[in-house]
Amino acid sequence: MTIGPVDGQQVPRFAGPPTFARLPRLGEVSRADVAIVGLPFDAGVSYRPGARFGPAHIRASSRLLRPYNPAVGVSPFAALQVADAGDLALNPFDIPEALSTCRAGILELAQDGATVVGLGGDHTLALPALRALAALHGPLAVLHFDAHLDTWDTYFGAPYTHGTPFRRASEEGLIDQERSMHVGIRGPLYSSSDLDDDARLGFAVIRADDYETDGVARAVERMRRRLAGGPVYVSVDIDVLDPAAAPGTGTPEAGGLTSRELLHSLRGLQGLDVVGIDVVEVSPAYDHAEITGIAAAHVVYDLLAVLAANRG
């Protein structure tokens, strides 16, 4: 018997615990199939700050989520014991120490058998998450939704930033270079060699423009073909969405996906072995009317539905 969210017909949506979807805290359940953990850190950003406040904003924006997901046909909070594990205390002044703390925290949760969903925070934190999960599963296929490649080498000589996590992960042997993929890439690059470097590091690319020319169904088909055959880590930078759908982020780019396109793409992961998730780069100071927070909350919700469908 799972413990689900506070009943929205008994306690108003604007009341109740400040956990994701008003779910129980980790200490209130005997076990967790899924642990949602906040990663409040943005010392790795290169432009707008503020993603350290993202976890709280996503939680606040999740209050309207309801128990049954009709798009996937499951009740994720009944099929899975989902709990909110609170936030990891990540040092905002020491990036290597923050990465080490993040890796240890995610590894501890995952070793207890939970699928970990990280709420960011900036994208630097995908690297320690991959370090933790690769220690348990071996090299992972990375499905990376983002406007940007995040496989650059350094910024101002710094090797650990929100633009470098997947280069470091590839160099460290954490990713499956035959099965990893970026989705939603668009906007200017530093050089044409950026794409060559990215391919060498093991990533295929579905561009945002491909959604316009080929459609969502074709994108999902390409994703599934690339990811099949092993464990998958899903990393969603909320700036994969067009700024009209997600203004509250650090490095917005015009021409992005709609929230409908993103959610439909995520639902296409049913049947794949998803072992870890992050949703990052929500910066509430630049949000308006919770537009970005609501989008991020629904991304998490649909991914929980996929996990529930896979379990069933």
C-alpha atoms as a PDB file:
ATOM      1  CA  MET A   1       0.000   0.000   0.000  1.00  0.00           C
ATOM      2  CA  THR A   2       1.560   3.274  -1.087  1.00  0.00           C
ATOM      3  CA  ILE A   3       1.214   6.605   0.661  1.00  0.00           C
ATOM      4  CA  GLY A   4       0.187   9.148  -1.939  1.00  0.00           C
ATOM      5  CA  PRO A   5      -0.272  12.909  -2.021  1.00  0.00           C
ATOM      6  CA  VAL A   6      -2.492  14.842   0.315  1.00  0.00           C
ATOM      7  CA  ASP A   7      -6.062  14.623  -1.014  1.00  0.00           C
ATOM      8  CA  GLY A   8      -6.823  17.806  -2.925  1.00  0.00           C
ATOM      9  CA  GLN A   9     -10.515  17.433  -2.105  1.00  0.00           C
ATOM     10  CA  GLN A  10      -9.777  17.382   1.613  1.00  0.00           C
ATOM     11  CA  VAL A  11      -6.955  19.952   1.864  1.00  0.00           C
ATOM     12  CA  PRO A  12      -6.888  22.932  -0.542  1.00  0.00           C
ATOM     13  CA  ARG A  13      -4.178  22.910  -3.186  1.00  0.00           C
ATOM     14  CA  PHE A  14      -2.576  26.018  -1.704  1.00  0.00           C
ATOM     15  CA  ALA A  15      -2.207  24.307   1.689  1.00  0.00           C
ATOM     16  CA  GLY A  16      -0.545  21.101   2.790  1.00  0.00           C
ATOM     17  CA  PRO A  17       3.119  20.054   2.841  1.00  0.00           C
ATOM     18  CA  PRO A  18       5.630  21.899   0.589  1.00  0.00           C
ATOM     19  CA  THR A  19       6.845  18.657  -0.963  1.00  0.00           C
ATOM     20  CA  PHE A  20       6.665  17.750  -4.644  1.00  0.00           C
ATOM     21  CA  ALA A  21       2.966  17.163  -5.482  1.00  0.00           C
ATOM     22  CA  ARG A  22       2.345  17.237  -1.708  1.00  0.00           C
ATOM     23  CA  LEU A  23       3.783  13.731  -1.459  1.00  0.00           C
ATOM     24  CA  PRO A  24       5.123  12.237   1.775  1.00  0.00           C
ATOM     25  CA  ARG A  25       8.655  12.943   2.887  1.00  0.00           C
ATOM     26  CA  LEU A  26      11.165  10.131   2.618  1.00  0.00           C
ATOM     27  CA  GLY A  27      11.226   9.637   6.390  1.00  0.00           C
ATOM     28  CA  GLU A  28       7.456   9.103   6.409  1.00  0.00           C
ATOM     29  CA  VAL A  29       7.549   5.935   4.272  1.00  0.00           C
ATOM     30  CA  SER A  30       9.159   2.560   4.903  1.00  0.00           C
ATOM     31  CA  ARG A  31      10.614   2.407   1.399  1.00  0.00           C
ATOM     32  CA  ALA A  32      10.628   4.440  -1.794  1.00  0.00           C
ATOM     33  CA  ASP A  33      10.466   3.294  -5.397  1.00  0.00           C
ATOM     34  CA  VAL A  34      11.213   6.872  -6.455  1.00  0.00           C
ATOM     35  CA  ALA A  35      13.030   9.539  -4.441  1.00  0.00           C
ATOM     36  CA  ILE A  36      12.661  13.147  -5.547  1.00  0.00           C
ATOM     37  CA  VAL A  37      15.605  15.195  -4.317  1.00  0.00           C
ATOM     38  CA  GLY A  38      16.323  18.891  -4.613  1.00  0.00           C
ATOM     39  CA  LEU A  39      19.721  19.998  -5.926  1.00  0.00           C
ATOM     40  CA  PRO A  40      19.848  23.713  -5.018  1.00  0.00           C
ATOM     41  CA  PHE A  41      23.049  24.822  -6.718  1.00  0.00           C
ATOM     42  CA  ASP A  42      23.906  27.289  -9.488  1.00  0.00           C
ATOM     43  CA  ALA A  43      27.596  28.063  -9.067  1.00  0.00           C
ATOM     44  CA  GLY A  44      28.222  26.535 -12.505  1.00  0.00           C
ATOM     45  CA  VAL A  45      26.092  28.919 -14.563  1.00  0.00           C
ATOM     46  CA  SER A  46      27.576  31.121 -17.279  1.00  0.00           C
ATOM     47  CA  TYR A  47      24.786  33.699 -17.632  1.00  0.00           C
ATOM     48  CA  ARG A  48      21.679  34.221 -15.504  1.00  0.00           C
ATOM     49  CA  PRO A  49      21.877  32.858 -11.935  1.00  0.00           C
ATOM     50  CA  GLY A  50      18.984  31.739  -9.731  1.00  0.00           C
ATOM     51  CA  ALA A  51      18.583  28.015 -10.401  1.00  0.00           C
ATOM     52  CA  ARG A  52      19.540  27.364  -6.765  1.00  0.00           C
ATOM     53  CA  PHE A  53      15.941  28.347  -6.046  1.00  0.00           C
ATOM     54  CA  GLY A  54      14.605  25.978  -8.715  1.00  0.00           C
ATOM     55  CA  PRO A  55      13.780  22.966  -6.501  1.00  0.00           C
ATOM     56  CA  ALA A  56      11.493  24.986  -4.221  1.00  0.00           C
ATOM     57  CA  HIS A  57       9.843  26.640  -7.232  1.00  0.00           C
ATOM     58  CA  ILE A  58       9.165  23.322  -8.967  1.00  0.00           C
ATOM     59  CA  ARG A  59       7.682  21.924  -5.766  1.00  0.00           C
ATOM     60  CA  ALA A  60       5.423  24.961  -5.339  1.00  0.00           C
ATOM     61  CA  SER A  61       4.353  24.657  -8.984  1.00  0.00           C
ATOM     62  CA  SER A  62       3.459  20.979  -8.565  1.00  0.00           C
ATOM     63  CA  ARG A  63       0.513  21.545  -6.231  1.00  0.00           C
ATOM     64  CA  LEU A  64      -2.074  21.184  -9.004  1.00  0.00           C
ATOM     65  CA  LEU A  65      -0.912  17.732 -10.093  1.00  0.00           C
ATOM     66  CA  ARG A  66      -3.595  15.089  -9.689  1.00  0.00           C
ATOM     67  CA  PRO A  67      -3.269  11.344  -9.054  1.00  0.00           C
ATOM     68  CA  TYR A  68      -4.314   9.918 -12.449  1.00  0.00           C
ATOM     69  CA  ASN A  69      -2.323  10.547 -15.629  1.00  0.00           C
ATOM     70  CA  PRO A  70      -4.721   9.970 -18.551  1.00  0.00           C
ATOM     71  CA  ALA A  71      -2.058  10.425 -21.256  1.00  0.00           C
ATOM     72  CA  VAL A  72      -0.152   7.382 -19.997  1.00  0.00           C
ATOM     73  CA  GLY A  73      -3.126   5.627 -18.392  1.00  0.00           C
ATOM     74  CA  VAL A  74      -1.603   5.141 -14.935  1.00  0.00           C
ATOM     75  CA  SER A  75      -1.862   6.480 -11.393  1.00  0.00           C
ATOM     76  CA  PRO A  76       1.863   6.911 -10.702  1.00  0.00           C
ATOM     77  CA  PHE A  77       1.506   7.641  -6.998  1.00  0.00           C
ATOM     78  CA  ALA A  78      -0.507   4.440  -6.508  1.00  0.00           C
ATOM     79  CA  ALA A  79       1.716   2.225  -8.672  1.00  0.00           C
ATOM     80  CA  LEU A  80       4.942   3.543  -7.106  1.00  0.00           C
ATOM     81  CA  GLN A  81       5.875   4.750  -3.662  1.00  0.00           C
ATOM     82  CA  VAL A  82       7.149   8.215  -4.472  1.00  0.00           C
ATOM     83  CA  ALA A  83       8.657  10.320  -1.706  1.00  0.00           C
ATOM     84  CA  ASP A  84      10.338  13.697  -1.402  1.00  0.00           C
ATOM     85  CA  ALA A  85      13.869  13.310  -0.034  1.00  0.00           C
ATOM     86  CA  GLY A  86      14.366  17.027   0.628  1.00  0.00           C
ATOM     87  CA  ASP A  87      17.413  18.912  -0.604  1.00  0.00           C
ATOM     88  CA  LEU A  88      21.090  18.024  -0.676  1.00  0.00           C
ATOM     89  CA  ALA A  89      23.282  20.619   1.045  1.00  0.00           C
ATOM     90  CA  LEU A  90      25.642  21.557  -1.794  1.00  0.00           C
ATOM     91  CA  ASN A  91      28.505  23.979  -1.123  1.00  0.00           C
ATOM     92  CA  PRO A  92      27.833  27.124  -3.219  1.00  0.00           C
ATOM     93  CA  PHE A  93      31.474  28.254  -2.970  1.00  0.00           C
ATOM     94  CA  ASP A  94      33.304  25.036  -3.936  1.00  0.00           C
ATOM     95  CA  ILE A  95      32.175  23.315  -7.134  1.00  0.00           C
ATOM     96  CA  PRO A  96      34.269  20.114  -6.759  1.00  0.00           C
ATOM     97  CA  GLU A  97      33.019  19.671  -3.200  1.00  0.00           C
ATOM     98  CA  ALA A  98      29.417  20.230  -4.331  1.00  0.00           C
ATOM     99  CA  LEU A  99      29.842  17.615  -7.061  1.00  0.00           C
ATOM    100  CA  SER A 100      31.234  15.138  -4.549  1.00  0.00           C
ATOM    101  CA  THR A 101      28.366  15.753  -2.124  1.00  0.00           C
ATOM    102  CA  CYS A 102      25.820  15.406  -4.917  1.00  0.00           C
ATOM    103  CA  ARG A 103      27.310  12.105  -6.105  1.00  0.00           C
ATOM    104  CA  ALA A 104      27.315  10.686  -2.574  1.00  0.00           C
ATOM    105  CA  GLY A 105      23.736  11.783  -1.893  1.00  0.00           C
ATOM    106  CA  ILE A 106      22.336  10.345  -5.119  1.00  0.00           C
ATOM    107  CA  LEU A 107      24.314   7.125  -4.686  1.00  0.00           C
ATOM    108  CA  GLU A 108      22.935   6.675  -1.174  1.00  0.00           C
ATOM    109  CA  LEU A 109      19.352   7.066  -2.394  1.00  0.00           C
ATOM    110  CA  ALA A 110      19.867   4.819  -5.418  1.00  0.00           C
ATOM    111  CA  GLN A 111      21.603   2.100  -3.398  1.00  0.00           C
ATOM    112  CA  ASP A 112      18.460   1.825  -1.306  1.00  0.00           C
ATOM    113  CA  GLY A 113      16.625   0.828  -4.482  1.00  0.00           C
ATOM    114  CA  ALA A 114      14.993   4.126  -5.435  1.00  0.00           C
ATOM    115  CA  THR A 115      15.005   5.702  -8.873  1.00  0.00           C
ATOM    116  CA  VAL A 116      16.322   9.188  -8.165  1.00  0.00           C
ATOM    117  CA  VAL A 117      14.707  12.271  -9.711  1.00  0.00           C
ATOM    118  CA  GLY A 118      16.853  15.375  -9.214  1.00  0.00           C
ATOM    119  CA  LEU A 119      15.292  18.831  -9.210  1.00  0.00           C
ATOM    120  CA  GLY A 120      17.869  21.460 -10.191  1.00  0.00           C
ATOM    121  CA  GLY A 121      19.763  23.487  -9.833  1.00  0.00           C
ATOM    122  CA  ASP A 122      22.031  23.971 -12.790  1.00  0.00           C
ATOM    123  CA  HIS A 123      23.148  21.363 -15.299  1.00  0.00           C
ATOM    124  CA  THR A 124      26.588  20.910 -13.741  1.00  0.00           C
ATOM    125  CA  LEU A 125      24.844  18.432 -11.438  1.00  0.00           C
ATOM    126  CA  ALA A 126      24.180  15.922 -14.221  1.00  0.00           C
ATOM    127  CA  LEU A 127      27.835  14.908 -13.929  1.00  0.00           C
ATOM    128  CA  PRO A 128      27.760  13.707 -10.296  1.00  0.00           C
ATOM    129  CA  ALA A 129      24.412  12.029 -10.937  1.00  0.00           C
ATOM    130  CA  LEU A 130      25.983  10.065 -13.795  1.00  0.00           C
ATOM    131  CA  ARG A 131      28.995   9.254 -11.645  1.00  0.00           C
ATOM    132  CA  ALA A 132      26.692   7.797  -8.991  1.00  0.00           C
ATOM    133  CA  LEU A 133      24.455   5.802 -11.320  1.00  0.00           C
ATOM    134  CA  ALA A 134      27.237   4.524 -13.570  1.00  0.00           C
ATOM    135  CA  ALA A 135      28.806   3.032 -10.427  1.00  0.00           C
ATOM    136  CA  LEU A 136      25.631   0.935 -10.066  1.00  0.00           C
ATOM    137  CA  HIS A 137      24.660   0.281 -13.699  1.00  0.00           C
ATOM    138  CA  GLY A 138      27.784   0.770 -15.807  1.00  0.00           C
ATOM    139  CA  PRO A 139      27.865   3.227 -18.726  1.00  0.00           C
ATOM    140  CA  LEU A 140      24.469   4.809 -19.337  1.00  0.00           C
ATOM    141  CA  ALA A 141      22.674   6.004 -22.427  1.00  0.00           C
ATOM    142  CA  VAL A 142      22.067   9.703 -21.849  1.00  0.00           C
ATOM    143  CA  LEU A 143      18.895  11.207 -23.287  1.00  0.00           C
ATOM    144  CA  HIS A 144      19.544  14.920 -22.984  1.00  0.00           C
ATOM    145  CA  PHE A 145      16.794  17.462 -23.703  1.00  0.00           C
ATOM    146  CA  ASP A 146      18.342  20.912 -24.079  1.00  0.00           C
ATOM    147  CA  ALA A 147      18.797  23.895 -26.364  1.00  0.00           C
ATOM    148  CA  HIS A 148      22.558  23.463 -25.893  1.00  0.00           C
ATOM    149  CA  LEU A 149      25.015  20.618 -26.367  1.00  0.00           C
ATOM    150  CA  ASP A 150      26.678  20.951 -22.934  1.00  0.00           C
ATOM    151  CA  THR A 151      29.734  19.150 -24.291  1.00  0.00           C
ATOM    152  CA  TRP A 152      32.059  22.149 -24.327  1.00  0.00           C
ATOM    153  CA  ASP A 153      35.479  21.777 -22.751  1.00  0.00           C
ATOM    154  CA  THR A 154      35.908  24.725 -20.349  1.00  0.00           C
ATOM    155  CA  TYR A 155      34.653  28.208 -19.572  1.00  0.00           C
ATOM    156  CA  PHE A 156      37.429  30.629 -18.545  1.00  0.00           C
ATOM    157  CA  GLY A 157      39.563  27.565 -17.922  1.00  0.00           C
ATOM    158  CA  ALA A 158      37.012  25.987 -15.543  1.00  0.00           C
ATOM    159  CA  PRO A 159      36.299  22.311 -16.345  1.00  0.00           C
ATOM    160  CA  TYR A 160      33.113  21.947 -14.265  1.00  0.00           C
ATOM    161  CA  THR A 161      30.264  24.200 -15.388  1.00  0.00           C
ATOM    162  CA  HIS A 162      26.724  23.795 -16.672  1.00  0.00           C
ATOM    163  CA  GLY A 163      28.093  23.760 -20.231  1.00  0.00           C
ATOM    164  CA  THR A 164      30.570  20.908 -19.713  1.00  0.00           C
ATOM    165  CA  PRO A 165      28.908  17.974 -17.854  1.00  0.00           C
ATOM    166  CA  PHE A 166      28.485  15.621 -20.791  1.00  0.00           C
ATOM    167  CA  ARG A 167      32.029  16.120 -22.103  1.00  0.00           C
ATOM    168  CA  ARG A 168      33.376  15.214 -18.657  1.00  0.00           C
ATOM    169  CA  ALA A 169      30.954  12.275 -18.446  1.00  0.00           C
ATOM    170  CA  SER A 170      32.068  10.961 -21.835  1.00  0.00           C
ATOM    171  CA  GLU A 171      35.738  11.393 -20.954  1.00  0.00           C
ATOM    172  CA  GLU A 172      35.190   9.519 -17.681  1.00  0.00           C
ATOM    173  CA  GLY A 173      33.499   6.586 -19.431  1.00  0.00           C
ATOM    174  CA  LEU A 174      30.145   7.174 -17.738  1.00  0.00           C
ATOM    175  CA  ILE A 175      28.042   7.217 -20.915  1.00  0.00           C
ATOM    176  CA  ASP A 176      27.337   4.668 -23.608  1.00  0.00           C
ATOM    177  CA  GLN A 177      28.721   6.391 -26.681  1.00  0.00           C
ATOM    178  CA  GLU A 178      26.659   4.235 -29.043  1.00  0.00           C
ATOM    179  CA  ARG A 179      23.318   5.043 -27.428  1.00  0.00           C
ATOM    180  CA  SER A 180      23.331   8.672 -26.227  1.00  0.00           C
ATOM    181  CA  MET A 181      21.382  11.538 -27.765  1.00  0.00           C
ATOM    182  CA  HIS A 182      20.617  15.257 -27.495  1.00  0.00           C
ATOM    183  CA  VAL A 183      17.078  16.457 -28.255  1.00  0.00           C
ATOM    184  CA  GLY A 184      15.994  20.041 -28.946  1.00  0.00           C
ATOM    185  CA  ILE A 185      19.366  21.502 -29.922  1.00  0.00           C
ATOM    186  CA  ARG A 186      19.202  24.935 -31.557  1.00  0.00           C
ATOM    187  CA  GLY A 187      20.724  28.376 -31.612  1.00  0.00           C
ATOM    188  CA  PRO A 188      24.238  29.713 -32.257  1.00  0.00           C
ATOM    189  CA  LEU A 189      27.418  27.758 -31.533  1.00  0.00           C
ATOM    190  CA  TYR A 190      30.973  28.912 -30.964  1.00  0.00           C
ATOM    191  CA  SER A 191      32.220  27.026 -34.045  1.00  0.00           C
ATOM    192  CA  SER A 192      31.244  24.313 -36.507  1.00  0.00           C
ATOM    193  CA  SER A 193      33.752  22.123 -34.681  1.00  0.00           C
ATOM    194  CA  ASP A 194      31.388  22.044 -31.697  1.00  0.00           C
ATOM    195  CA  LEU A 195      29.217  19.547 -33.577  1.00  0.00           C
ATOM    196  CA  ASP A 196      32.212  17.456 -34.611  1.00  0.00           C
ATOM    197  CA  ASP A 197      33.468  17.308 -31.033  1.00  0.00           C
ATOM    198  CA  ASP A 198      30.006  16.392 -29.830  1.00  0.00           C
ATOM    199  CA  ALA A 199      29.704  13.468 -32.254  1.00  0.00           C
ATOM    200  CA  ARG A 200      33.143  12.239 -31.224  1.00  0.00           C
ATOM    201  CA  LEU A 201      31.994  12.240 -27.591  1.00  0.00           C
ATOM    202  CA  GLY A 202      29.173   9.850 -28.483  1.00  0.00           C
ATOM    203  CA  PHE A 203      26.020  11.872 -29.094  1.00  0.00           C
ATOM    204  CA  ALA A 204      23.471  11.790 -31.891  1.00  0.00           C
ATOM    205  CA  VAL A 205      21.309  14.907 -32.279  1.00  0.00           C
ATOM    206  CA  ILE A 206      17.624  15.630 -32.842  1.00  0.00           C
ATOM    207  CA  ARG A 207      17.379  19.357 -33.500  1.00  0.00           C
ATOM    208  CA  ALA A 208      14.468  21.519 -32.464  1.00  0.00           C
ATOM    209  CA  ASP A 209      13.915  22.177 -36.185  1.00  0.00           C
ATOM    210  CA  ASP A 210      13.445  18.432 -36.740  1.00  0.00           C
ATOM    211  CA  TYR A 211      10.214  18.638 -34.758  1.00  0.00           C
ATOM    212  CA  GLU A 212       8.940  21.104 -37.343  1.00  0.00           C
ATOM    213  CA  THR A 213      10.051  19.179 -40.420  1.00  0.00           C
ATOM    214  CA  ASP A 214       9.620  15.567 -39.252  1.00  0.00           C
ATOM    215  CA  GLY A 215       7.111  15.744 -36.392  1.00  0.00           C
ATOM    216  CA  VAL A 216       7.012  14.347 -32.870  1.00  0.00           C
ATOM    217  CA  ALA A 217       6.358  10.740 -33.884  1.00  0.00           C
ATOM    218  CA  ARG A 218       9.541  10.621 -35.963  1.00  0.00           C
ATOM    219  CA  ALA A 219      11.556  12.140 -33.116  1.00  0.00           C
ATOM    220  CA  VAL A 220      10.227   9.523 -30.694  1.00  0.00           C
ATOM    221  CA  GLU A 221      11.041   6.749 -33.167  1.00  0.00           C
ATOM    222  CA  ARG A 222      14.626   7.984 -33.467  1.00  0.00           C
ATOM    223  CA  MET A 223      14.950   8.259 -29.676  1.00  0.00           C
ATOM    224  CA  ARG A 224      13.690   4.755 -29.045  1.00  0.00           C
ATOM    225  CA  ARG A 225      15.940   3.228 -31.676  1.00  0.00           C
ATOM    226  CA  ARG A 226      19.001   4.981 -30.271  1.00  0.00           C
ATOM    227  CA  LEU A 227      18.292   4.221 -26.598  1.00  0.00           C
ATOM    228  CA  ALA A 228      17.228   0.578 -26.780  1.00  0.00           C
ATOM    229  CA  GLY A 229      19.253  -2.142 -25.136  1.00  0.00           C
ATOM    230  CA  GLY A 230      20.312  -0.860 -21.738  1.00  0.00           C
ATOM    231  CA  PRO A 231      19.899   1.626 -18.888  1.00  0.00           C
ATOM    232  CA  VAL A 232      18.933   5.208 -19.720  1.00  0.00           C
ATOM    233  CA  TYR A 233      19.504   8.459 -17.850  1.00  0.00           C
ATOM    234  CA  VAL A 234      17.081  11.261 -18.779  1.00  0.00           C
ATOM    235  CA  SER A 235      18.321  14.824 -18.307  1.00  0.00           C
ATOM    236  CA  VAL A 236      15.897  17.659 -19.045  1.00  0.00           C
ATOM    237  CA  ASP A 237      17.186  21.218 -19.182  1.00  0.00           C
ATOM    238  CA  ILE A 238      14.013  23.276 -19.111  1.00  0.00           C
ATOM    239  CA  ASP A 239      15.482  25.610 -21.751  1.00  0.00           C
ATOM    240  CA  VAL A 240      14.729  22.892 -24.306  1.00  0.00           C
ATOM    241  CA  LEU A 241      11.352  24.611 -24.288  1.00  0.00           C
ATOM    242  CA  ASP A 242      10.804  27.817 -26.186  1.00  0.00           C
ATOM    243  CA  PRO A 243      11.114  30.911 -23.958  1.00  0.00           C
ATOM    244  CA  ALA A 244       7.389  31.438 -24.461  1.00  0.00           C
ATOM    245  CA  ALA A 245       6.823  28.195 -22.530  1.00  0.00           C
ATOM    246  CA  ALA A 246       9.769  28.528 -20.134  1.00  0.00           C
ATOM    247  CA  PRO A 247      11.000  32.086 -19.585  1.00  0.00           C
ATOM    248  CA  GLY A 248      12.411  31.264 -16.151  1.00  0.00           C
ATOM    249  CA  THR A 249      15.757  29.834 -17.153  1.00  0.00           C
ATOM    250  CA  GLY A 250      19.354  30.953 -17.347  1.00  0.00           C
ATOM    251  CA  THR A 251      20.215  30.726 -21.063  1.00  0.00           C
ATOM    252  CA  PRO A 252      17.021  30.986 -23.150  1.00  0.00           C
ATOM    253  CA  GLU A 253      17.096  30.357 -26.904  1.00  0.00           C
ATOM    254  CA  ALA A 254      14.373  31.200 -29.409  1.00  0.00           C
ATOM    255  CA  GLY A 255      12.782  28.459 -31.508  1.00  0.00           C
ATOM    256  CA  GLY A 256      12.351  25.761 -28.881  1.00  0.00           C
ATOM    257  CA  LEU A 257       9.926  22.923 -28.307  1.00  0.00           C
ATOM    258  CA  THR A 258       6.431  23.458 -27.011  1.00  0.00           C
ATOM    259  CA  SER A 259       5.547  21.871 -23.694  1.00  0.00           C
ATOM    260  CA  ARG A 260       3.178  19.545 -25.562  1.00  0.00           C
ATOM    261  CA  GLU A 261       6.006  18.337 -27.824  1.00  0.00           C
ATOM    262  CA  LEU A 262       8.285  17.737 -24.849  1.00  0.00           C
ATOM    263  CA  LEU A 263       5.695  15.845 -22.804  1.00  0.00           C
ATOM    264  CA  HIS A 264       4.733  13.698 -25.795  1.00  0.00           C
ATOM    265  CA  SER A 265       8.399  12.876 -26.353  1.00  0.00           C
ATOM    266  CA  LEU A 266       8.861  11.845 -22.731  1.00  0.00           C
ATOM    267  CA  ARG A 267       5.828   9.569 -22.854  1.00  0.00           C
ATOM    268  CA  GLY A 268       7.571   7.792 -25.721  1.00  0.00           C
ATOM    269  CA  LEU A 269      10.069   6.368 -23.206  1.00  0.00           C
ATOM    270  CA  GLN A 270       7.625   3.693 -22.068  1.00  0.00           C
ATOM    271  CA  GLY A 271       9.284   0.301 -22.114  1.00  0.00           C
ATOM    272  CA  LEU A 272      12.835   1.665 -21.864  1.00  0.00           C
ATOM    273  CA  ASP A 273      15.021   1.081 -18.803  1.00  0.00           C
ATOM    274  CA  VAL A 274      15.012   4.557 -17.236  1.00  0.00           C
ATOM    275  CA  VAL A 275      17.266   4.440 -14.143  1.00  0.00           C
ATOM    276  CA  GLY A 276      17.706   8.135 -13.336  1.00  0.00           C
ATOM    277  CA  ILE A 277      16.253  11.559 -14.102  1.00  0.00           C
ATOM    278  CA  ASP A 278      17.043  15.218 -13.625  1.00  0.00           C
ATOM    279  CA  VAL A 279      15.054  18.353 -14.461  1.00  0.00           C
ATOM    280  CA  VAL A 280      17.297  21.402 -14.233  1.00  0.00           C
ATOM    281  CA  GLU A 281      17.909  25.089 -14.974  1.00  0.00           C
ATOM    282  CA  VAL A 282      14.631  26.468 -13.580  1.00  0.00           C
ATOM    283  CA  SER A 283      15.431  30.013 -12.434  1.00  0.00           C
ATOM    284  CA  PRO A 284      12.320  31.424 -10.745  1.00  0.00           C
ATOM    285  CA  ALA A 285      13.492  35.044 -10.686  1.00  0.00           C
ATOM    286  CA  TYR A 286      12.929  35.105 -14.458  1.00  0.00           C
ATOM    287  CA  ASP A 287       9.657  33.172 -14.366  1.00  0.00           C
ATOM    288  CA  HIS A 288       6.201  34.691 -14.713  1.00  0.00           C
ATOM    289  CA  ALA A 289       2.995  33.257 -13.248  1.00  0.00           C
ATOM    290  CA  GLU A 290       4.840  29.951 -12.597  1.00  0.00           C
ATOM    291  CA  ILE A 291       4.940  29.198 -16.350  1.00  0.00           C
ATOM    292  CA  THR A 292       8.356  27.544 -16.148  1.00  0.00           C
ATOM    293  CA  GLY A 293       7.756  25.886 -12.786  1.00  0.00           C
ATOM    294  CA  ILE A 294       4.501  24.349 -13.999  1.00  0.00           C
ATOM    295  CA  ALA A 295       6.200  23.022 -17.132  1.00  0.00           C
ATOM    296  CA  ALA A 296       8.982  21.478 -15.034  1.00  0.00           C
ATOM    297  CA  ALA A 297       6.489  19.926 -12.606  1.00  0.00           C
ATOM    298  CA  HIS A 298       4.611  18.316 -15.486  1.00  0.00           C
ATOM    299  CA  VAL A 299       7.861  16.998 -16.950  1.00  0.00           C
ATOM    300  CA  VAL A 300       8.548  15.228 -13.651  1.00  0.00           C
ATOM    301  CA  TYR A 301       4.946  13.995 -13.450  1.00  0.00           C
ATOM    302  CA  ASP A 302       4.972  12.467 -16.931  1.00  0.00           C
ATOM    303  CA  LEU A 303       8.328  10.816 -16.263  1.00  0.00           C
ATOM    304  CA  LEU A 304       6.904   9.346 -13.048  1.00  0.00           C
ATOM    305  CA  ALA A 305       4.026   8.014 -15.144  1.00  0.00           C
ATOM    306  CA  VAL A 306       6.521   6.399 -17.520  1.00  0.00           C
ATOM    307  CA  LEU A 307       8.304   4.766 -14.565  1.00  0.00           C
ATOM    308  CA  ALA A 308       4.950   3.504 -13.287  1.00  0.00           C
ATOM    309  CA  ALA A 309       3.956   2.154 -16.702  1.00  0.00           C
ATOM    310  CA  ASN A 310       7.316   0.410 -16.999  1.00  0.00           C
ATOM    311  CA  ARG A 311       6.879  -1.132 -13.562  1.00  0.00           C
ATOM    312  CA  GLY A 312       3.421  -2.431 -14.507  1.00  0.00           C
END
